[in-house]
């Protein structure tokens, strides 16, 4: 079953930079609240009968890559492939809405697309958009509200790799407890990416994992995952010396106390082999 991207077996450490200067604490008031928060819809994909993985990946890295070179009506859709953890070889479609309100305007509670979605998104996309859904279908989904994420520092067009840990709350921990931690200490500990390494916490709002969480590690560019973690349990010398001392361990310790990890998957972009 497909979720979202990456896995890091890492002990996270707190606000200490390699040069001895802590990054400025980011005010949590700068992150959107309520229906202004970003939303990520993650759809498990099944290939249509007769479509091979090679054909699908050639299409995704070729014709489909022209669909969302920039947001269309506040939406970007990317296709990712699991390359570590649970579901290796599986595909997912990641629908990134600029806000919960935007998702609601396109897909109300019953999930049916509105006229606004057609007018503002699908009618503006090339034919590869329709072709995508001839080659695959959604086999399940979860819409996740982004509770907090480090600012997106990537340059335009730079592909990311996502490491996703599925979480459920530990006994005795309430949703309010965890969300207070995310909005406070977690956000303050991650005011910016560290050497291209970012973080996000998501909560399921529709679909299969409503009320459950994801702890997401973000690598920009995607190649950083292998540079930092050659294997799921191996840290590179660069990571140990230049990144780990600046990564907030106290937040990691708190997450481990407040939640139970159900597993992980690393999700990589599909790129041309040429």
C-alpha atoms as a PDB file:
ATOM      1  CA  UNK A   1       0.000   0.000   0.000  1.00  0.00           C
ATOM      2  CA  UNK A   2       1.433   3.351  -1.023  1.00  0.00           C
ATOM      3  CA  UNK A   3       1.781   6.250   1.322  1.00  0.00           C
ATOM      4  CA  UNK A   4       4.382   8.966   0.698  1.00  0.00           C
ATOM      5  CA  UNK A   5       8.260   9.092   0.666  1.00  0.00           C
ATOM      6  CA  UNK A   6      11.585   8.221   2.758  1.00  0.00           C
ATOM      7  CA  UNK A   7      13.077   6.585   5.747  1.00  0.00           C
ATOM      8  CA  UNK A   8      15.810   7.668   8.014  1.00  0.00           C
ATOM      9  CA  UNK A   9      17.048   5.726  10.983  1.00  0.00           C
ATOM     10  CA  UNK A  10      18.457   8.869  12.584  1.00  0.00           C
ATOM     11  CA  UNK A  11      18.795  10.264  16.057  1.00  0.00           C
ATOM     12  CA  UNK A  12      17.921  13.939  15.754  1.00  0.00           C
ATOM     13  CA  UNK A  13      19.854  16.565  17.817  1.00  0.00           C
ATOM     14  CA  UNK A  14      18.877  20.254  18.849  1.00  0.00           C
ATOM     15  CA  UNK A  15      19.705  23.644  17.255  1.00  0.00           C
ATOM     16  CA  UNK A  16      23.481  23.387  17.200  1.00  0.00           C
ATOM     17  CA  UNK A  17      25.192  24.400  13.990  1.00  0.00           C
ATOM     18  CA  UNK A  18      28.584  23.290  12.827  1.00  0.00           C
ATOM     19  CA  UNK A  19      29.906  26.821  13.287  1.00  0.00           C
ATOM     20  CA  UNK A  20      28.347  27.144  16.730  1.00  0.00           C
ATOM     21  CA  UNK A  21      25.554  29.516  15.693  1.00  0.00           C
ATOM     22  CA  UNK A  22      21.969  28.337  16.142  1.00  0.00           C
ATOM     23  CA  UNK A  23      19.556  29.190  13.300  1.00  0.00           C
ATOM     24  CA  UNK A  24      17.045  31.892  14.111  1.00  0.00           C
ATOM     25  CA  UNK A  25      13.853  30.533  15.623  1.00  0.00           C
ATOM     26  CA  UNK A  26      11.027  30.777  13.136  1.00  0.00           C
ATOM     27  CA  UNK A  27       7.851  32.291  14.536  1.00  0.00           C
ATOM     28  CA  UNK A  28       5.097  29.698  14.399  1.00  0.00           C
ATOM     29  CA  UNK A  29       2.656  32.498  13.611  1.00  0.00           C
ATOM     30  CA  UNK A  30       4.156  32.654  10.108  1.00  0.00           C
ATOM     31  CA  UNK A  31       2.854  29.188   9.227  1.00  0.00           C
ATOM     32  CA  UNK A  32      -0.731  29.103   7.929  1.00  0.00           C
ATOM     33  CA  UNK A  33      -3.522  27.960  10.205  1.00  0.00           C
ATOM     34  CA  UNK A  34      -6.972  26.429   9.701  1.00  0.00           C
ATOM     35  CA  UNK A  35      -8.053  25.978   6.088  1.00  0.00           C
ATOM     36  CA  UNK A  36      -5.105  28.113   4.982  1.00  0.00           C
ATOM     37  CA  UNK A  37      -2.690  25.254   5.708  1.00  0.00           C
ATOM     38  CA  UNK A  38      -1.254  23.290   2.759  1.00  0.00           C
ATOM     39  CA  UNK A  39      -2.773  19.891   2.011  1.00  0.00           C
ATOM     40  CA  UNK A  40      -1.147  16.802   0.499  1.00  0.00           C
ATOM     41  CA  UNK A  41      -3.313  14.108  -1.096  1.00  0.00           C
ATOM     42  CA  UNK A  42      -1.479  10.789  -1.463  1.00  0.00           C
ATOM     43  CA  UNK A  43      -3.048   8.252  -3.830  1.00  0.00           C
ATOM     44  CA  UNK A  44      -1.863   4.663  -4.152  1.00  0.00           C
ATOM     45  CA  UNK A  45      -1.652   3.812  -7.849  1.00  0.00           C
ATOM     46  CA  UNK A  46      -2.306   0.588  -9.730  1.00  0.00           C
ATOM     47  CA  UNK A  47      -1.225   0.267 -13.340  1.00  0.00           C
ATOM     48  CA  UNK A  48      -3.923  -0.478 -15.882  1.00  0.00           C
ATOM     49  CA  UNK A  49      -3.993  -3.936 -17.450  1.00  0.00           C
ATOM     50  CA  UNK A  50      -1.311  -4.229 -20.108  1.00  0.00           C
ATOM     51  CA  UNK A  51       0.707  -1.211 -18.925  1.00  0.00           C
ATOM     52  CA  UNK A  52       4.254  -2.179 -17.935  1.00  0.00           C
ATOM     53  CA  UNK A  53       6.364  -0.337 -15.334  1.00  0.00           C
ATOM     54  CA  UNK A  54       8.842   0.671 -18.048  1.00  0.00           C
ATOM     55  CA  UNK A  55       6.071   2.159 -20.189  1.00  0.00           C
ATOM     56  CA  UNK A  56       4.568   3.976 -17.236  1.00  0.00           C
ATOM     57  CA  UNK A  57       7.865   5.454 -16.071  1.00  0.00           C
ATOM     58  CA  UNK A  58       8.760   6.564 -19.596  1.00  0.00           C
ATOM     59  CA  UNK A  59       5.415   8.352 -19.790  1.00  0.00           C
ATOM     60  CA  UNK A  60       5.773   9.979 -16.367  1.00  0.00           C
ATOM     61  CA  UNK A  61       9.319  11.211 -17.016  1.00  0.00           C
ATOM     62  CA  UNK A  62       8.360  12.257 -20.569  1.00  0.00           C
ATOM     63  CA  UNK A  63       4.919  13.579 -21.603  1.00  0.00           C
ATOM     64  CA  UNK A  64       3.511  13.872 -18.074  1.00  0.00           C
ATOM     65  CA  UNK A  65       6.473  15.962 -16.889  1.00  0.00           C
ATOM     66  CA  UNK A  66       5.065  18.913 -18.868  1.00  0.00           C
ATOM     67  CA  UNK A  67       1.799  19.017 -16.905  1.00  0.00           C
ATOM     68  CA  UNK A  68       2.957  20.723 -13.727  1.00  0.00           C
ATOM     69  CA  UNK A  69       6.110  22.678 -14.454  1.00  0.00           C
ATOM     70  CA  UNK A  70       4.485  25.234 -12.128  1.00  0.00           C
ATOM     71  CA  UNK A  71       1.311  25.206  -9.993  1.00  0.00           C
ATOM     72  CA  UNK A  72      -1.924  25.122 -11.961  1.00  0.00           C
ATOM     73  CA  UNK A  73      -4.810  26.642 -10.047  1.00  0.00           C
ATOM     74  CA  UNK A  74      -2.911  26.201  -6.780  1.00  0.00           C
ATOM     75  CA  UNK A  75      -2.224  22.501  -7.432  1.00  0.00           C
ATOM     76  CA  UNK A  76       0.799  20.402  -8.372  1.00  0.00           C
ATOM     77  CA  UNK A  77       0.581  16.645  -8.998  1.00  0.00           C
ATOM     78  CA  UNK A  78       3.725  14.505  -9.010  1.00  0.00           C
ATOM     79  CA  UNK A  79       4.204  10.758  -9.467  1.00  0.00           C
ATOM     80  CA  UNK A  80       6.698   9.101  -7.106  1.00  0.00           C
ATOM     81  CA  UNK A  81       8.130   5.587  -6.806  1.00  0.00           C
ATOM     82  CA  UNK A  82       9.054   3.765  -3.599  1.00  0.00           C
ATOM     83  CA  UNK A  83      12.705   2.741  -3.562  1.00  0.00           C
ATOM     84  CA  UNK A  84      13.216   1.833   0.127  1.00  0.00           C
ATOM     85  CA  UNK A  85      11.084   0.507   2.955  1.00  0.00           C
ATOM     86  CA  UNK A  86       7.552  -0.811   2.539  1.00  0.00           C
ATOM     87  CA  UNK A  87       6.174  -1.069  -0.966  1.00  0.00           C
ATOM     88  CA  UNK A  88       9.386  -0.953  -3.002  1.00  0.00           C
ATOM     89  CA  UNK A  89       8.452  -0.629  -6.661  1.00  0.00           C
ATOM     90  CA  UNK A  90       5.001   0.846  -5.934  1.00  0.00           C
ATOM     91  CA  UNK A  91       3.802   4.194  -7.281  1.00  0.00           C
ATOM     92  CA  UNK A  92       1.846   7.043  -5.771  1.00  0.00           C
ATOM     93  CA  UNK A  93       0.379  10.311  -6.997  1.00  0.00           C
ATOM     94  CA  UNK A  94       1.053  13.233  -4.679  1.00  0.00           C
ATOM     95  CA  UNK A  95      -1.502  16.049  -5.020  1.00  0.00           C
ATOM     96  CA  UNK A  96      -0.074  19.206  -3.413  1.00  0.00           C
ATOM     97  CA  UNK A  97      -2.748  21.845  -2.812  1.00  0.00           C
ATOM     98  CA  UNK A  98      -1.722  25.291  -1.642  1.00  0.00           C
ATOM     99  CA  UNK A  99      -4.447  25.160   1.004  1.00  0.00           C
ATOM    100  CA  UNK A 100      -7.166  23.003   2.521  1.00  0.00           C
ATOM    101  CA  UNK A 101      -9.638  25.592   1.237  1.00  0.00           C
ATOM    102  CA  UNK A 102      -8.384  25.051  -2.319  1.00  0.00           C
ATOM    103  CA  UNK A 103      -8.860  21.271  -2.015  1.00  0.00           C
ATOM    104  CA  UNK A 104     -12.361  21.844  -0.662  1.00  0.00           C
ATOM    105  CA  UNK A 105     -13.240  24.106  -3.579  1.00  0.00           C
ATOM    106  CA  UNK A 106     -12.148  21.421  -6.069  1.00  0.00           C
ATOM    107  CA  UNK A 107     -13.183  18.294  -4.155  1.00  0.00           C
ATOM    108  CA  UNK A 108     -15.909  18.728  -1.498  1.00  0.00           C
ATOM    109  CA  UNK A 109     -16.638  16.080   1.111  1.00  0.00           C
ATOM    110  CA  UNK A 110     -18.146  13.609  -1.383  1.00  0.00           C
ATOM    111  CA  UNK A 111     -14.898  13.637  -3.398  1.00  0.00           C
ATOM    112  CA  UNK A 112     -16.504  14.580  -6.712  1.00  0.00           C
ATOM    113  CA  UNK A 113     -14.604  17.189  -8.758  1.00  0.00           C
ATOM    114  CA  UNK A 114     -16.359  20.530  -9.033  1.00  0.00           C
ATOM    115  CA  UNK A 115     -16.749  22.829 -12.014  1.00  0.00           C
ATOM    116  CA  UNK A 116     -13.979  24.937 -10.447  1.00  0.00           C
ATOM    117  CA  UNK A 117     -11.543  22.028 -10.788  1.00  0.00           C
ATOM    118  CA  UNK A 118     -12.358  21.681 -14.471  1.00  0.00           C
ATOM    119  CA  UNK A 119     -12.202  25.425 -15.125  1.00  0.00           C
ATOM    120  CA  UNK A 120      -9.065  26.169 -13.096  1.00  0.00           C
ATOM    121  CA  UNK A 121      -7.049  22.957 -13.471  1.00  0.00           C
ATOM    122  CA  UNK A 122      -7.993  20.119 -15.822  1.00  0.00           C
ATOM    123  CA  UNK A 123      -9.005  22.338 -18.757  1.00  0.00           C
ATOM    124  CA  UNK A 124      -5.593  24.024 -18.610  1.00  0.00           C
ATOM    125  CA  UNK A 125      -3.519  20.842 -18.664  1.00  0.00           C
ATOM    126  CA  UNK A 126      -2.114  19.083 -21.736  1.00  0.00           C
ATOM    127  CA  UNK A 127      -3.504  15.772 -22.978  1.00  0.00           C
ATOM    128  CA  UNK A 128      -0.949  13.889 -20.866  1.00  0.00           C
ATOM    129  CA  UNK A 129      -3.160  14.556 -17.828  1.00  0.00           C
ATOM    130  CA  UNK A 130      -6.023  12.508 -19.262  1.00  0.00           C
ATOM    131  CA  UNK A 131      -3.588   9.890 -20.535  1.00  0.00           C
ATOM    132  CA  UNK A 132      -2.181   9.403 -17.027  1.00  0.00           C
ATOM    133  CA  UNK A 133      -5.548   8.159 -15.766  1.00  0.00           C
ATOM    134  CA  UNK A 134      -5.826   5.782 -18.703  1.00  0.00           C
ATOM    135  CA  UNK A 135      -2.541   4.183 -17.659  1.00  0.00           C
ATOM    136  CA  UNK A 136      -3.254   3.922 -13.924  1.00  0.00           C
ATOM    137  CA  UNK A 137      -5.947   4.322 -11.305  1.00  0.00           C
ATOM    138  CA  UNK A 138      -6.145   5.334  -7.659  1.00  0.00           C
ATOM    139  CA  UNK A 139      -6.358   2.304  -5.371  1.00  0.00           C
ATOM    140  CA  UNK A 140      -6.822   4.260  -2.149  1.00  0.00           C
ATOM    141  CA  UNK A 141      -5.882   7.629  -0.720  1.00  0.00           C
ATOM    142  CA  UNK A 142      -5.318   9.804   2.304  1.00  0.00           C
ATOM    143  CA  UNK A 143      -5.502  13.595   2.342  1.00  0.00           C
ATOM    144  CA  UNK A 144      -3.029  15.021   4.845  1.00  0.00           C
ATOM    145  CA  UNK A 145      -3.096  18.510   6.311  1.00  0.00           C
ATOM    146  CA  UNK A 146       0.410  19.928   6.706  1.00  0.00           C
ATOM    147  CA  UNK A 147       0.630  20.830  10.387  1.00  0.00           C
ATOM    148  CA  UNK A 148       4.101  22.316   9.948  1.00  0.00           C
ATOM    149  CA  UNK A 149       6.926  22.168   7.395  1.00  0.00           C
ATOM    150  CA  UNK A 150      10.286  23.844   7.066  1.00  0.00           C
ATOM    151  CA  UNK A 151      10.312  26.513   4.365  1.00  0.00           C
ATOM    152  CA  UNK A 152      10.752  25.171   0.851  1.00  0.00           C
ATOM    153  CA  UNK A 153      14.222  26.331  -0.142  1.00  0.00           C
ATOM    154  CA  UNK A 154      14.535  24.432  -3.412  1.00  0.00           C
ATOM    155  CA  UNK A 155      15.102  26.168  -6.734  1.00  0.00           C
ATOM    156  CA  UNK A 156      12.426  25.789  -9.353  1.00  0.00           C
ATOM    157  CA  UNK A 157      12.384  22.386 -11.035  1.00  0.00           C
ATOM    158  CA  UNK A 158      14.580  20.664  -8.430  1.00  0.00           C
ATOM    159  CA  UNK A 159      13.168  17.231  -7.610  1.00  0.00           C
ATOM    160  CA  UNK A 160      12.773  16.095  -4.006  1.00  0.00           C
ATOM    161  CA  UNK A 161      12.906  12.722  -2.310  1.00  0.00           C
ATOM    162  CA  UNK A 162      10.540  12.159   0.626  1.00  0.00           C
ATOM    163  CA  UNK A 163      11.010   9.841   3.560  1.00  0.00           C
ATOM    164  CA  UNK A 164       7.757   9.076   5.315  1.00  0.00           C
ATOM    165  CA  UNK A 165       7.268   7.463   8.690  1.00  0.00           C
ATOM    166  CA  UNK A 166       3.639   6.528   9.420  1.00  0.00           C
ATOM    167  CA  UNK A 167       2.805   7.364  13.040  1.00  0.00           C
ATOM    168  CA  UNK A 168      -0.032   6.725  15.480  1.00  0.00           C
ATOM    169  CA  UNK A 169      -0.283   8.349  18.894  1.00  0.00           C
ATOM    170  CA  UNK A 170       1.029   6.436  21.908  1.00  0.00           C
ATOM    171  CA  UNK A 171      -1.367   5.464  24.695  1.00  0.00           C
ATOM    172  CA  UNK A 172      -2.320   8.465  26.777  1.00  0.00           C
ATOM    173  CA  UNK A 173      -1.247  11.048  24.185  1.00  0.00           C
ATOM    174  CA  UNK A 174      -4.077  13.167  22.795  1.00  0.00           C
ATOM    175  CA  UNK A 175      -4.266  14.833  19.405  1.00  0.00           C
ATOM    176  CA  UNK A 176      -4.222  18.191  21.193  1.00  0.00           C
ATOM    177  CA  UNK A 177      -0.999  17.226  23.026  1.00  0.00           C
ATOM    178  CA  UNK A 178       0.769  16.262  19.825  1.00  0.00           C
ATOM    179  CA  UNK A 179      -0.460  19.205  17.787  1.00  0.00           C
ATOM    180  CA  UNK A 180       0.656  21.606  20.538  1.00  0.00           C
ATOM    181  CA  UNK A 181       4.122  20.038  20.354  1.00  0.00           C
ATOM    182  CA  UNK A 182       4.238  20.334  16.552  1.00  0.00           C
ATOM    183  CA  UNK A 183       3.111  23.972  16.522  1.00  0.00           C
ATOM    184  CA  UNK A 184       5.527  24.879  19.310  1.00  0.00           C
ATOM    185  CA  UNK A 185       8.806  23.038  19.999  1.00  0.00           C
ATOM    186  CA  UNK A 186       8.927  21.182  16.662  1.00  0.00           C
ATOM    187  CA  UNK A 187       8.359  24.310  14.557  1.00  0.00           C
ATOM    188  CA  UNK A 188      10.855  26.287  16.636  1.00  0.00           C
ATOM    189  CA  UNK A 189      13.468  23.542  16.232  1.00  0.00           C
ATOM    190  CA  UNK A 190      13.116  23.475  12.447  1.00  0.00           C
ATOM    191  CA  UNK A 191      13.111  27.119  11.283  1.00  0.00           C
ATOM    192  CA  UNK A 192      14.933  26.202   8.071  1.00  0.00           C
ATOM    193  CA  UNK A 193      16.341  23.297   6.100  1.00  0.00           C
ATOM    194  CA  UNK A 194      19.800  22.026   7.042  1.00  0.00           C
ATOM    195  CA  UNK A 195      22.063  21.361   4.048  1.00  0.00           C
ATOM    196  CA  UNK A 196      18.959  20.577   1.959  1.00  0.00           C
ATOM    197  CA  UNK A 197      17.392  18.436   4.699  1.00  0.00           C
ATOM    198  CA  UNK A 198      13.866  19.486   5.750  1.00  0.00           C
ATOM    199  CA  UNK A 199      11.018  18.199   7.875  1.00  0.00           C
ATOM    200  CA  UNK A 200       7.217  18.130   7.939  1.00  0.00           C
ATOM    201  CA  UNK A 201       4.467  16.703  10.134  1.00  0.00           C
ATOM    202  CA  UNK A 202       1.155  15.755   8.485  1.00  0.00           C
ATOM    203  CA  UNK A 203      -2.199  14.584   9.854  1.00  0.00           C
ATOM    204  CA  UNK A 204      -4.741  12.524   7.913  1.00  0.00           C
ATOM    205  CA  UNK A 205      -7.962  14.464   7.297  1.00  0.00           C
ATOM    206  CA  UNK A 206      -9.775  12.318   4.685  1.00  0.00           C
ATOM    207  CA  UNK A 207      -9.381   8.792   3.400  1.00  0.00           C
ATOM    208  CA  UNK A 208      -7.754   5.744   4.960  1.00  0.00           C
ATOM    209  CA  UNK A 209      -5.602   7.293   7.721  1.00  0.00           C
ATOM    210  CA  UNK A 210      -7.871   9.958   9.217  1.00  0.00           C
ATOM    211  CA  UNK A 211      -6.451  11.146  12.530  1.00  0.00           C
ATOM    212  CA  UNK A 212      -3.106   9.412  11.976  1.00  0.00           C
ATOM    213  CA  UNK A 213       0.182  11.142  11.305  1.00  0.00           C
ATOM    214  CA  UNK A 214       3.245  11.175   9.086  1.00  0.00           C
ATOM    215  CA  UNK A 215       6.721  12.327  10.054  1.00  0.00           C
ATOM    216  CA  UNK A 216       8.271  13.347   6.725  1.00  0.00           C
ATOM    217  CA  UNK A 217      11.948  13.850   5.922  1.00  0.00           C
ATOM    218  CA  UNK A 218      12.552  15.919   2.783  1.00  0.00           C
ATOM    219  CA  UNK A 219      15.754  15.855   0.697  1.00  0.00           C
ATOM    220  CA  UNK A 220      16.401  18.574  -1.854  1.00  0.00           C
ATOM    221  CA  UNK A 221      17.695  17.614  -4.332  1.00  0.00           C
ATOM    222  CA  UNK A 222      16.601  13.977  -4.297  1.00  0.00           C
ATOM    223  CA  UNK A 223      20.208  12.772  -4.627  1.00  0.00           C
ATOM    224  CA  UNK A 224      20.937  13.994  -1.084  1.00  0.00           C
ATOM    225  CA  UNK A 225      19.237  10.943   0.424  1.00  0.00           C
ATOM    226  CA  UNK A 226      21.921   8.625  -0.923  1.00  0.00           C
ATOM    227  CA  UNK A 227      24.667  11.123  -0.077  1.00  0.00           C
ATOM    228  CA  UNK A 228      23.474  11.298   3.536  1.00  0.00           C
ATOM    229  CA  UNK A 229      22.246   7.699   3.899  1.00  0.00           C
ATOM    230  CA  UNK A 230      23.911   5.205   1.511  1.00  0.00           C
ATOM    231  CA  UNK A 231      21.706   2.515   3.114  1.00  0.00           C
ATOM    232  CA  UNK A 232      18.678   2.813   5.426  1.00  0.00           C
ATOM    233  CA  UNK A 233      20.901   2.249   8.483  1.00  0.00           C
ATOM    234  CA  UNK A 234      24.146   3.888   7.340  1.00  0.00           C
ATOM    235  CA  UNK A 235      25.030   7.567   7.765  1.00  0.00           C
ATOM    236  CA  UNK A 236      27.714   9.105   5.551  1.00  0.00           C
ATOM    237  CA  UNK A 237      30.735  10.885   6.981  1.00  0.00           C
ATOM    238  CA  UNK A 238      29.388  14.185   5.623  1.00  0.00           C
ATOM    239  CA  UNK A 239      26.070  13.680   7.410  1.00  0.00           C
ATOM    240  CA  UNK A 240      27.743  12.709  10.685  1.00  0.00           C
ATOM    241  CA  UNK A 241      30.129  15.671  10.642  1.00  0.00           C
ATOM    242  CA  UNK A 242      28.186  18.454   8.895  1.00  0.00           C
ATOM    243  CA  UNK A 243      24.490  17.706   9.380  1.00  0.00           C
ATOM    244  CA  UNK A 244      23.862  15.543  12.459  1.00  0.00           C
ATOM    245  CA  UNK A 245      25.342  18.074  14.933  1.00  0.00           C
ATOM    246  CA  UNK A 246      22.792  20.620  13.664  1.00  0.00           C
ATOM    247  CA  UNK A 247      19.753  18.343  13.621  1.00  0.00           C
ATOM    248  CA  UNK A 248      17.398  18.744  16.604  1.00  0.00           C
ATOM    249  CA  UNK A 249      17.595  15.557  18.694  1.00  0.00           C
ATOM    250  CA  UNK A 250      15.217  16.723  21.426  1.00  0.00           C
ATOM    251  CA  UNK A 251      12.325  16.934  18.992  1.00  0.00           C
ATOM    252  CA  UNK A 252      13.096  13.431  17.739  1.00  0.00           C
ATOM    253  CA  UNK A 253      13.125  12.113  21.295  1.00  0.00           C
ATOM    254  CA  UNK A 254       9.739  13.716  21.976  1.00  0.00           C
ATOM    255  CA  UNK A 255       8.199  12.308  18.795  1.00  0.00           C
ATOM    256  CA  UNK A 256       9.366   8.818  19.752  1.00  0.00           C
ATOM    257  CA  UNK A 257       7.764   9.199  23.201  1.00  0.00           C
ATOM    258  CA  UNK A 258       4.470  10.585  21.891  1.00  0.00           C
ATOM    259  CA  UNK A 259       3.975   8.275  18.900  1.00  0.00           C
ATOM    260  CA  UNK A 260       4.448   4.741  17.610  1.00  0.00           C
ATOM    261  CA  UNK A 261       6.047   4.310  14.193  1.00  0.00           C
ATOM    262  CA  UNK A 262       4.188   1.832  11.973  1.00  0.00           C
ATOM    263  CA  UNK A 263       6.789   1.719   9.201  1.00  0.00           C
ATOM    264  CA  UNK A 264       8.402   3.832   6.517  1.00  0.00           C
ATOM    265  CA  UNK A 265       8.774   4.264   2.796  1.00  0.00           C
ATOM    266  CA  UNK A 266      11.177   6.349   0.736  1.00  0.00           C
ATOM    267  CA  UNK A 267       9.565   7.964  -2.308  1.00  0.00           C
ATOM    268  CA  UNK A 268      11.753   9.128  -5.165  1.00  0.00           C
ATOM    269  CA  UNK A 269      10.955  11.124  -8.315  1.00  0.00           C
ATOM    270  CA  UNK A 270      10.680   9.227 -11.578  1.00  0.00           C
ATOM    271  CA  UNK A 271      13.273  10.613 -13.968  1.00  0.00           C
ATOM    272  CA  UNK A 272      14.317   9.759 -17.490  1.00  0.00           C
ATOM    273  CA  UNK A 273      16.961   7.067 -17.824  1.00  0.00           C
ATOM    274  CA  UNK A 274      18.393   8.809 -20.885  1.00  0.00           C
END
